[in-house]
Amino acid sequence: VNAPNPYNTLGIRLRQEKQYKEAIQAYFQAIELSPKDENIHYNMAKAYFCDAQPEKSLECIRLALTLAPEHIEALKMFRLLTGVAWEDDPKAGFKPQRGK
């Protein structure tokens, strides 16, 4: 099935409108339809990150990378959240960013 997941599409639109909680709910529905779609897990991670829930964001990034270890954007986000590369430490925890 190559049709776009309507809940993923909705989640993206809601996230762009800064309705992060609603976007996260849409992504949960998207995952029920397509549990192995790494892009939905990645999108959910972005919504959690925007909603100031970095630990939940990291959980979603881990799922995305478990499904697709070569997902470039998810790899970048994992490094942003943990300060380490996925291949170096897939179990790394969230590291709050120090003032830049």
PDB file of N, CA and C in Angstrom:
ATOM      1  N   VAL A   1       0.858  -1.195   0.000  1.00  0.00           N
ATOM      2  CA  VAL A   1       0.000   0.000   0.000  1.00  0.00           C
ATOM      3  C   VAL A   1       0.893   1.244   0.000  1.00  0.00           C
ATOM      4  N   ASN A   2       0.775   2.049  -1.034  1.00  0.00           N
ATOM      5  CA  ASN A   2       1.629   3.231  -1.142  1.00  0.00           C
ATOM      6  C   ASN A   2       0.861   4.532  -0.966  1.00  0.00           C
ATOM      7  N   ALA A   3      -0.402   4.438  -0.572  1.00  0.00           N
ATOM      8  CA  ALA A   3      -1.172   5.662  -0.330  1.00  0.00           C
ATOM      9  C   ALA A   3      -0.625   6.350   0.913  1.00  0.00           C
ATOM     10  N   PRO A   4      -0.552   7.685   0.910  1.00  0.00           N
ATOM     11  CA  PRO A   4      -0.079   8.374   2.112  1.00  0.00           C
ATOM     12  C   PRO A   4      -1.026   8.096   3.282  1.00  0.00           C
ATOM     13  N   ASN A   5      -0.450   7.999   4.454  1.00  0.00           N
ATOM     14  CA  ASN A   5      -1.231   7.766   5.665  1.00  0.00           C
ATOM     15  C   ASN A   5      -1.924   9.090   6.019  1.00  0.00           C
ATOM     16  N   PRO A   6      -3.264   9.124   6.012  1.00  0.00           N
ATOM     17  CA  PRO A   6      -3.960  10.406   6.226  1.00  0.00           C
ATOM     18  C   PRO A   6      -3.679  11.008   7.606  1.00  0.00           C
ATOM     19  N   TYR A   7      -3.460  10.157   8.609  1.00  0.00           N
ATOM     20  CA  TYR A   7      -3.189  10.684   9.951  1.00  0.00           C
ATOM     21  C   TYR A   7      -1.790  11.294  10.025  1.00  0.00           C
ATOM     22  N   ASN A   8      -0.837  10.713   9.277  1.00  0.00           N
ATOM     23  CA  ASN A   8       0.498  11.307   9.229  1.00  0.00           C
ATOM     24  C   ASN A   8       0.418  12.683   8.575  1.00  0.00           C
ATOM     25  N   THR A   9      -0.321  12.762   7.470  1.00  0.00           N
ATOM     26  CA  THR A   9      -0.497  14.040   6.766  1.00  0.00           C
ATOM     27  C   THR A   9      -1.143  15.070   7.693  1.00  0.00           C
ATOM     28  N   LEU A  10      -2.162  14.653   8.428  1.00  0.00           N
ATOM     29  CA  LEU A  10      -2.827  15.534   9.392  1.00  0.00           C
ATOM     30  C   LEU A  10      -1.846  15.970  10.480  1.00  0.00           C
ATOM     31  N   GLY A  11      -1.063  15.023  10.995  1.00  0.00           N
ATOM     32  CA  GLY A  11      -0.089  15.345  12.047  1.00  0.00           C
ATOM     33  C   GLY A  11       0.907  16.395  11.600  1.00  0.00           C
ATOM     34  N   ILE A  12       1.388  16.252  10.370  1.00  0.00           N
ATOM     35  CA  ILE A  12       2.349  17.225   9.838  1.00  0.00           C
ATOM     36  C   ILE A  12       1.717  18.611   9.791  1.00  0.00           C
ATOM     37  N   ARG A  13       0.471  18.674   9.288  1.00  0.00           N
ATOM     38  CA  ARG A  13      -0.207  19.973   9.191  1.00  0.00           C
ATOM     39  C   ARG A  13      -0.411  20.581  10.581  1.00  0.00           C
ATOM     40  N   LEU A  14      -0.851  19.762  11.532  1.00  0.00           N
ATOM     41  CA  LEU A  14      -1.069  20.268  12.894  1.00  0.00           C
ATOM     42  C   LEU A  14       0.245  20.740  13.518  1.00  0.00           C
ATOM     43  N   ARG A  15       1.310  19.985  13.284  1.00  0.00           N
ATOM     44  CA  ARG A  15       2.614  20.394  13.842  1.00  0.00           C
ATOM     45  C   ARG A  15       3.039  21.730  13.246  1.00  0.00           C
ATOM     46  N   GLN A  16       2.845  21.896  11.949  1.00  0.00           N
ATOM     47  CA  GLN A  16       3.208  23.165  11.308  1.00  0.00           C
ATOM     48  C   GLN A  16       2.385  24.318  11.863  1.00  0.00           C
ATOM     49  N   GLU A  17       1.164  24.010  12.328  1.00  0.00           N
ATOM     50  CA  GLU A  17       0.302  25.030  12.934  1.00  0.00           C
ATOM     51  C   GLU A  17       0.563  25.167  14.435  1.00  0.00           C
ATOM     52  N   LYS A  18       1.612  24.516  14.919  1.00  0.00           N
ATOM     53  CA  LYS A  18       2.027  24.564  16.327  1.00  0.00           C
ATOM     54  C   LYS A  18       0.990  23.962  17.274  1.00  0.00           C
ATOM     55  N   GLN A  19       0.161  23.057  16.771  1.00  0.00           N
ATOM     56  CA  GLN A  19      -0.805  22.327  17.607  1.00  0.00           C
ATOM     57  C   GLN A  19      -0.192  20.963  17.917  1.00  0.00           C
ATOM     58  N   TYR A  20       0.827  20.991  18.798  1.00  0.00           N
ATOM     59  CA  TYR A  20       1.664  19.806  18.991  1.00  0.00           C
ATOM     60  C   TYR A  20       0.918  18.638  19.634  1.00  0.00           C
ATOM     61  N   LYS A  21       0.099  18.909  20.634  1.00  0.00           N
ATOM     62  CA  LYS A  21      -0.630  17.811  21.293  1.00  0.00           C
ATOM     63  C   LYS A  21      -1.572  17.117  20.308  1.00  0.00           C
ATOM     64  N   GLU A  22      -2.256  17.908  19.480  1.00  0.00           N
ATOM     65  CA  GLU A  22      -3.163  17.348  18.482  1.00  0.00           C
ATOM     66  C   GLU A  22      -2.379  16.566  17.434  1.00  0.00           C
ATOM     67  N   ALA A  23      -1.207  17.090  17.062  1.00  0.00           N
ATOM     68  CA  ALA A  23      -0.354  16.391  16.086  1.00  0.00           C
ATOM     69  C   ALA A  23       0.064  15.033  16.635  1.00  0.00           C
ATOM     70  N   ILE A  24       0.458  14.995  17.900  1.00  0.00           N
ATOM     71  CA  ILE A  24       0.887  13.739  18.527  1.00  0.00           C
ATOM     72  C   ILE A  24      -0.262  12.734  18.499  1.00  0.00           C
ATOM     73  N   GLN A  25      -1.479  13.188  18.786  1.00  0.00           N
ATOM     74  CA  GLN A  25      -2.635  12.280  18.729  1.00  0.00           C
ATOM     75  C   GLN A  25      -2.824  11.735  17.311  1.00  0.00           C
ATOM     76  N   ALA A  26      -2.661  12.590  16.310  1.00  0.00           N
ATOM     77  CA  ALA A  26      -2.799  12.139  14.919  1.00  0.00           C
ATOM     78  C   ALA A  26      -1.725  11.101  14.592  1.00  0.00           C
ATOM     79  N   TYR A  27      -0.499  11.326  15.085  1.00  0.00           N
ATOM     80  CA  TYR A  27       0.577  10.355  14.815  1.00  0.00           C
ATOM     81  C   TYR A  27       0.301   9.019  15.491  1.00  0.00           C
ATOM     82  N   PHE A  28      -0.298   9.035  16.687  1.00  0.00           N
ATOM     83  CA  PHE A  28      -0.659   7.761  17.327  1.00  0.00           C
ATOM     84  C   PHE A  28      -1.611   6.978  16.420  1.00  0.00           C
ATOM     85  N   GLN A  29      -2.572   7.682  15.814  1.00  0.00           N
ATOM     86  CA  GLN A  29      -3.509   7.011  14.902  1.00  0.00           C
ATOM     87  C   GLN A  29      -2.774   6.541  13.646  1.00  0.00           C
ATOM     88  N   ALA A  30      -1.828   7.337  13.168  1.00  0.00           N
ATOM     89  CA  ALA A  30      -1.046   6.962  11.988  1.00  0.00           C
ATOM     90  C   ALA A  30      -0.260   5.676  12.250  1.00  0.00           C
ATOM     91  N   ILE A  31       0.308   5.563  13.451  1.00  0.00           N
ATOM     92  CA  ILE A  31       1.102   4.383  13.800  1.00  0.00           C
ATOM     93  C   ILE A  31       0.224   3.136  13.885  1.00  0.00           C
ATOM     94  N   GLU A  32      -1.029   3.306  14.306  1.00  0.00           N
ATOM     95  CA  GLU A  32      -1.930   2.145  14.317  1.00  0.00           C
ATOM     96  C   GLU A  32      -2.119   1.604  12.909  1.00  0.00           C
ATOM     97  N   LEU A  33      -2.173   2.487  11.911  1.00  0.00           N
ATOM     98  CA  LEU A  33      -2.330   2.053  10.520  1.00  0.00           C
ATOM     99  C   LEU A  33      -1.012   1.548   9.930  1.00  0.00           C
ATOM    100  N   SER A  34       0.095   2.179  10.291  1.00  0.00           N
ATOM    101  CA  SER A  34       1.408   1.871   9.690  1.00  0.00           C
ATOM    102  C   SER A  34       2.477   1.785  10.780  1.00  0.00           C
ATOM    103  N   PRO A  35       2.442   0.726  11.617  1.00  0.00           N
ATOM    104  CA  PRO A  35       3.362   0.673  12.761  1.00  0.00           C
ATOM    105  C   PRO A  35       4.841   0.607  12.383  1.00  0.00           C
ATOM    106  N   LYS A  36       5.150   0.173  11.166  1.00  0.00           N
ATOM    107  CA  LYS A  36       6.553   0.029  10.776  1.00  0.00           C
ATOM    108  C   LYS A  36       7.044   1.171   9.892  1.00  0.00           C
ATOM    109  N   ASP A  37       6.299   2.275   9.853  1.00  0.00           N
ATOM    110  CA  ASP A  37       6.708   3.433   9.044  1.00  0.00           C
ATOM    111  C   ASP A  37       7.597   4.344   9.888  1.00  0.00           C
ATOM    112  N   GLU A  38       8.893   4.269   9.618  1.00  0.00           N
ATOM    113  CA  GLU A  38       9.854   5.048  10.413  1.00  0.00           C
ATOM    114  C   GLU A  38       9.603   6.544  10.314  1.00  0.00           C
ATOM    115  N   ASN A  39       9.041   7.012   9.199  1.00  0.00           N
ATOM    116  CA  ASN A  39       8.808   8.451   9.044  1.00  0.00           C
ATOM    117  C   ASN A  39       7.748   8.969  10.013  1.00  0.00           C
ATOM    118  N   ILE A  40       6.764   8.137  10.323  1.00  0.00           N
ATOM    119  CA  ILE A  40       5.744   8.562  11.294  1.00  0.00           C
ATOM    120  C   ILE A  40       6.384   8.690  12.682  1.00  0.00           C
ATOM    121  N   HIS A  41       7.226   7.717  13.043  1.00  0.00           N
ATOM    122  CA  HIS A  41       7.913   7.802  14.348  1.00  0.00           C
ATOM    123  C   HIS A  41       8.805   9.051  14.401  1.00  0.00           C
ATOM    124  N   TYR A  42       9.472   9.338  13.281  1.00  0.00           N
ATOM    125  CA  TYR A  42      10.319  10.539  13.207  1.00  0.00           C
ATOM    126  C   TYR A  42       9.463  11.803  13.348  1.00  0.00           C
ATOM    127  N   ASN A  43       8.336  11.851  12.634  1.00  0.00           N
ATOM    128  CA  ASN A  43       7.458  13.027  12.723  1.00  0.00           C
ATOM    129  C   ASN A  43       6.923  13.205  14.138  1.00  0.00           C
ATOM    130  N   MET A  44       6.594  12.089  14.780  1.00  0.00           N
ATOM    131  CA  MET A  44       6.103  12.153  16.156  1.00  0.00           C
ATOM    132  C   MET A  44       7.207  12.679  17.083  1.00  0.00           C
ATOM    133  N   ALA A  45       8.423  12.257  16.835  1.00  0.00           N
ATOM    134  CA  ALA A  45       9.557  12.757  17.623  1.00  0.00           C
ATOM    135  C   ALA A  45       9.680  14.272  17.486  1.00  0.00           C
ATOM    136  N   LYS A  46       9.507  14.781  16.272  1.00  0.00           N
ATOM    137  CA  LYS A  46       9.586  16.236  16.066  1.00  0.00           C
ATOM    138  C   LYS A  46       8.474  16.945  16.834  1.00  0.00           C
ATOM    139  N   ALA A  47       7.273  16.376  16.814  1.00  0.00           N
ATOM    140  CA  ALA A  47       6.150  17.000  17.525  1.00  0.00           C
ATOM    141  C   ALA A  47       6.409  17.008  19.032  1.00  0.00           C
ATOM    142  N   TYR A  48       6.904  15.878  19.573  1.00  0.00           N
ATOM    143  CA  TYR A  48       7.233  15.833  21.010  1.00  0.00           C
ATOM    144  C   TYR A  48       8.322  16.854  21.336  1.00  0.00           C
ATOM    145  N   PHE A  49       9.310  16.977  20.461  1.00  0.00           N
ATOM    146  CA  PHE A  49      10.402  17.924  20.699  1.00  0.00           C
ATOM    147  C   PHE A  49       9.851  19.352  20.727  1.00  0.00           C
ATOM    148  N   CYS A  50       9.003  19.685  19.770  1.00  0.00           N
ATOM    149  CA  CYS A  50       8.398  21.027  19.728  1.00  0.00           C
ATOM    150  C   CYS A  50       7.507  21.271  20.940  1.00  0.00           C
ATOM    151  N   ASP A  51       6.950  20.201  21.483  1.00  0.00           N
ATOM    152  CA  ASP A  51       6.062  20.287  22.647  1.00  0.00           C
ATOM    153  C   ASP A  51       6.862  20.217  23.954  1.00  0.00           C
ATOM    154  N   ALA A  52       8.191  20.369  23.872  1.00  0.00           N
ATOM    155  CA  ALA A  52       9.075  20.370  25.048  1.00  0.00           C
ATOM    156  C   ALA A  52       8.977  19.063  25.833  1.00  0.00           C
ATOM    157  N   GLN A  53       8.944  17.934  25.119  1.00  0.00           N
ATOM    158  CA  GLN A  53       8.967  16.611  25.744  1.00  0.00           C
ATOM    159  C   GLN A  53      10.130  15.812  25.140  1.00  0.00           C
ATOM    160  N   PRO A  54      11.372  16.231  25.438  1.00  0.00           N
ATOM    161  CA  PRO A  54      12.516  15.615  24.756  1.00  0.00           C
ATOM    162  C   PRO A  54      12.699  14.132  25.049  1.00  0.00           C
ATOM    163  N   GLU A  55      12.326  13.671  26.236  1.00  0.00           N
ATOM    164  CA  GLU A  55      12.496  12.242  26.524  1.00  0.00           C
ATOM    165  C   GLU A  55      11.587  11.405  25.628  1.00  0.00           C
ATOM    166  N   LYS A  56      10.341  11.854  25.459  1.00  0.00           N
ATOM    167  CA  LYS A  56       9.416  11.139  24.575  1.00  0.00           C
ATOM    168  C   LYS A  56       9.886  11.248  23.120  1.00  0.00           C
ATOM    169  N   SER A  57      10.438  12.407  22.771  1.00  0.00           N
ATOM    170  CA  SER A  57      10.988  12.601  21.436  1.00  0.00           C
ATOM    171  C   SER A  57      12.075  11.566  21.164  1.00  0.00           C
ATOM    172  N   LEU A  58      12.935  11.368  22.137  1.00  0.00           N
ATOM    173  CA  LEU A  58      14.032  10.407  21.987  1.00  0.00           C
ATOM    174  C   LEU A  58      13.502   8.978  21.838  1.00  0.00           C
ATOM    175  N   GLU A  59      12.456   8.638  22.586  1.00  0.00           N
ATOM    176  CA  GLU A  59      11.854   7.296  22.436  1.00  0.00           C
ATOM    177  C   GLU A  59      11.413   7.075  20.989  1.00  0.00           C
ATOM    178  N   CYS A  60      10.778   8.078  20.399  1.00  0.00           N
ATOM    179  CA  CYS A  60      10.282   7.957  19.024  1.00  0.00           C
ATOM    180  C   CYS A  60      11.437   7.881  18.023  1.00  0.00           C
ATOM    181  N   ILE A  61      12.486   8.653  18.276  1.00  0.00           N
ATOM    182  CA  ILE A  61      13.652   8.608  17.388  1.00  0.00           C
ATOM    183  C   ILE A  61      14.284   7.221  17.443  1.00  0.00           C
ATOM    184  N   ARG A  62      14.365   6.653  18.635  1.00  0.00           N
ATOM    185  CA  ARG A  62      14.913   5.286  18.752  1.00  0.00           C
ATOM    186  C   ARG A  62      14.106   4.299  17.926  1.00  0.00           C
ATOM    187  N   LEU A  63      12.773   4.410  17.995  1.00  0.00           N
ATOM    188  CA  LEU A  63      11.910   3.521  17.208  1.00  0.00           C
ATOM    189  C   LEU A  63      12.158   3.725  15.714  1.00  0.00           C
ATOM    190  N   ALA A  64      12.218   4.974  15.289  1.00  0.00           N
ATOM    191  CA  ALA A  64      12.465   5.265  13.869  1.00  0.00           C
ATOM    192  C   ALA A  64      13.785   4.642  13.420  1.00  0.00           C
ATOM    193  N   LEU A  65      14.831   4.798  14.240  1.00  0.00           N
ATOM    194  CA  LEU A  65      16.154   4.293  13.856  1.00  0.00           C
ATOM    195  C   LEU A  65      16.240   2.775  13.968  1.00  0.00           C
ATOM    196  N   THR A  66      15.447   2.172  14.837  1.00  0.00           N
ATOM    197  CA  THR A  66      15.403   0.713  14.905  1.00  0.00           C
ATOM    198  C   THR A  66      14.801   0.173  13.608  1.00  0.00           C
ATOM    199  N   LEU A  67      13.788   0.869  13.089  1.00  0.00           N
ATOM    200  CA  LEU A  67      13.147   0.463  11.835  1.00  0.00           C
ATOM    201  C   LEU A  67      14.006   0.807  10.617  1.00  0.00           C
ATOM    202  N   ALA A  68      14.726   1.929  10.690  1.00  0.00           N
ATOM    203  CA  ALA A  68      15.506   2.412   9.532  1.00  0.00           C
ATOM    204  C   ALA A  68      16.784   3.087  10.030  1.00  0.00           C
ATOM    205  N   PRO A  69      17.837   2.280  10.297  1.00  0.00           N
ATOM    206  CA  PRO A  69      19.075   2.842  10.870  1.00  0.00           C
ATOM    207  C   PRO A  69      19.788   3.858   9.979  1.00  0.00           C
ATOM    208  N   GLU A  70      19.387   3.951   8.710  1.00  0.00           N
ATOM    209  CA  GLU A  70      20.035   4.903   7.794  1.00  0.00           C
ATOM    210  C   GLU A  70      19.247   6.212   7.640  1.00  0.00           C
ATOM    211  N   HIS A  71      18.182   6.393   8.415  1.00  0.00           N
ATOM    212  CA  HIS A  71      17.314   7.585   8.297  1.00  0.00           C
ATOM    213  C   HIS A  71      18.123   8.824   8.697  1.00  0.00           C
ATOM    214  N   ILE A  72      18.558   9.577   7.695  1.00  0.00           N
ATOM    215  CA  ILE A  72      19.502  10.692   7.930  1.00  0.00           C
ATOM    216  C   ILE A  72      18.954  11.714   8.929  1.00  0.00           C
ATOM    217  N   GLU A  73      17.711  12.154   8.737  1.00  0.00           N
ATOM    218  CA  GLU A  73      17.159  13.174   9.627  1.00  0.00           C
ATOM    219  C   GLU A  73      17.011  12.655  11.052  1.00  0.00           C
ATOM    220  N   ALA A  74      16.615  11.394  11.188  1.00  0.00           N
ATOM    221  CA  ALA A  74      16.486  10.804  12.526  1.00  0.00           C
ATOM    222  C   ALA A  74      17.861  10.674  13.186  1.00  0.00           C
ATOM    223  N   LEU A  75      18.875  10.333  12.400  1.00  0.00           N
ATOM    224  CA  LEU A  75      20.240  10.251  12.946  1.00  0.00           C
ATOM    225  C   LEU A  75      20.686  11.618  13.475  1.00  0.00           C
ATOM    226  N   LYS A  76      20.382  12.666  12.717  1.00  0.00           N
ATOM    227  CA  LYS A  76      20.745  14.034  13.154  1.00  0.00           C
ATOM    228  C   LYS A  76      20.014  14.390  14.441  1.00  0.00           C
ATOM    229  N   MET A  77      18.738  14.042  14.500  1.00  0.00           N
ATOM    230  CA  MET A  77      17.949  14.388  15.683  1.00  0.00           C
ATOM    231  C   MET A  77      18.431  13.598  16.900  1.00  0.00           C
ATOM    232  N   PHE A  78      18.803  12.332  16.699  1.00  0.00           N
ATOM    233  CA  PHE A  78      19.335  11.529  17.804  1.00  0.00           C
ATOM    234  C   PHE A  78      20.584  12.207  18.379  1.00  0.00           C
ATOM    235  N   ARG A  79      21.464  12.664  17.491  1.00  0.00           N
ATOM    236  CA  ARG A  79      22.686  13.331  17.949  1.00  0.00           C
ATOM    237  C   ARG A  79      22.354  14.636  18.672  1.00  0.00           C
ATOM    238  N   LEU A  80      21.382  15.367  18.169  1.00  0.00           N
ATOM    239  CA  LEU A  80      20.957  16.619  18.813  1.00  0.00           C
ATOM    240  C   LEU A  80      20.457  16.339  20.236  1.00  0.00           C
ATOM    241  N   LEU A  81      19.670  15.262  20.397  1.00  0.00           N
ATOM    242  CA  LEU A  81      19.061  14.962  21.692  1.00  0.00           C
ATOM    243  C   LEU A  81      20.047  14.358  22.691  1.00  0.00           C
ATOM    244  N   THR A  82      20.997  13.567  22.199  1.00  0.00           N
ATOM    245  CA  THR A  82      21.867  12.815  23.110  1.00  0.00           C
ATOM    246  C   THR A  82      23.301  13.319  23.152  1.00  0.00           C
ATOM    247  N   GLY A  83      23.725  14.013  22.112  1.00  0.00           N
ATOM    248  CA  GLY A  83      25.111  14.453  22.033  1.00  0.00           C
ATOM    249  C   GLY A  83      26.055  13.378  21.506  1.00  0.00           C
ATOM    250  N   VAL A  84      25.528  12.196  21.147  1.00  0.00           N
ATOM    251  CA  VAL A  84      26.366  11.130  20.588  1.00  0.00           C
ATOM    252  C   VAL A  84      25.728  10.578  19.320  1.00  0.00           C
ATOM    253  N   ALA A  85      26.527   9.860  18.543  1.00  0.00           N
ATOM    254  CA  ALA A  85      26.021   9.247  17.317  1.00  0.00           C
ATOM    255  C   ALA A  85      25.297   7.944  17.649  1.00  0.00           C
ATOM    256  N   TRP A  86      24.253   7.639  16.889  1.00  0.00           N
ATOM    257  CA  TRP A  86      23.470   6.414  17.061  1.00  0.00           C
ATOM    258  C   TRP A  86      24.364   5.182  17.034  1.00  0.00           C
ATOM    259  N   GLU A  87      25.290   5.121  16.060  1.00  0.00           N
ATOM    260  CA  GLU A  87      26.132   3.927  15.953  1.00  0.00           C
ATOM    261  C   GLU A  87      27.086   3.799  17.140  1.00  0.00           C
ATOM    262  N   ASP A  88      27.372   4.914  17.809  1.00  0.00           N
ATOM    263  CA  ASP A  88      28.259   4.859  18.979  1.00  0.00           C
ATOM    264  C   ASP A  88      27.512   4.408  20.227  1.00  0.00           C
ATOM    265  N   ASP A  89      26.249   4.829  20.369  1.00  0.00           N
ATOM    266  CA  ASP A  89      25.511   4.493  21.591  1.00  0.00           C
ATOM    267  C   ASP A  89      24.005   4.603  21.392  1.00  0.00           C
ATOM    268  N   PRO A  90      23.381   3.553  20.815  1.00  0.00           N
ATOM    269  CA  PRO A  90      21.930   3.627  20.589  1.00  0.00           C
ATOM    270  C   PRO A  90      21.125   3.716  21.885  1.00  0.00           C
ATOM    271  N   LYS A  91      21.754   3.438  23.034  1.00  0.00           N
ATOM    272  CA  LYS A  91      21.035   3.507  24.313  1.00  0.00           C
ATOM    273  C   LYS A  91      21.269   4.824  25.051  1.00  0.00           C
ATOM    274  N   ALA A  92      21.941   5.767  24.397  1.00  0.00           N
ATOM    275  CA  ALA A  92      22.237   7.055  25.038  1.00  0.00           C
ATOM    276  C   ALA A  92      20.945   7.723  25.497  1.00  0.00           C
ATOM    277  N   GLY A  93      21.032   8.414  26.612  1.00  0.00           N
ATOM    278  CA  GLY A  93      19.876   9.128  27.139  1.00  0.00           C
ATOM    279  C   GLY A  93      19.854  10.568  26.672  1.00  0.00           C
ATOM    280  N   PHE A  94      18.765  11.227  26.963  1.00  0.00           N
ATOM    281  CA  PHE A  94      18.627  12.642  26.609  1.00  0.00           C
ATOM    282  C   PHE A  94      19.618  13.479  27.411  1.00  0.00           C
ATOM    283  N   LYS A  95      20.289  14.395  26.720  1.00  0.00           N
ATOM    284  CA  LYS A  95      21.206  15.340  27.359  1.00  0.00           C
ATOM    285  C   LYS A  95      20.683  16.743  27.139  1.00  0.00           C
ATOM    286  N   PRO A  96      20.247  17.428  28.193  1.00  0.00           N
ATOM    287  CA  PRO A  96      19.791  18.812  27.997  1.00  0.00           C
ATOM    288  C   PRO A  96      20.925  19.659  27.400  1.00  0.00           C
ATOM    289  N   GLN A  97      20.582  20.495  26.472  1.00  0.00           N
ATOM    290  CA  GLN A  97      21.575  21.359  25.835  1.00  0.00           C
ATOM    291  C   GLN A  97      22.004  22.459  26.802  1.00  0.00           C
ATOM    292  N   ARG A  98      23.286  22.644  26.912  1.00  0.00           N
ATOM    293  CA  ARG A  98      23.807  23.761  27.716  1.00  0.00           C
ATOM    294  C   ARG A  98      23.705  25.035  26.894  1.00  0.00           C
ATOM    295  N   GLY A  99      23.675  26.160  27.560  1.00  0.00           N
ATOM    296  CA  GLY A  99      23.551  27.435  26.858  1.00  0.00           C
ATOM    297  C   GLY A  99      24.611  27.581  25.787  1.00  0.00           C
ATOM    298  N   LYS A 100      24.208  28.015  24.601  1.00  0.00           N
ATOM    299  CA  LYS A 100      25.148  28.131  23.477  1.00  0.00           C
ATOM    300  C   LYS A 100      25.697  29.543  23.412  1.00  0.00           C
TER     301      LYS A 100
END
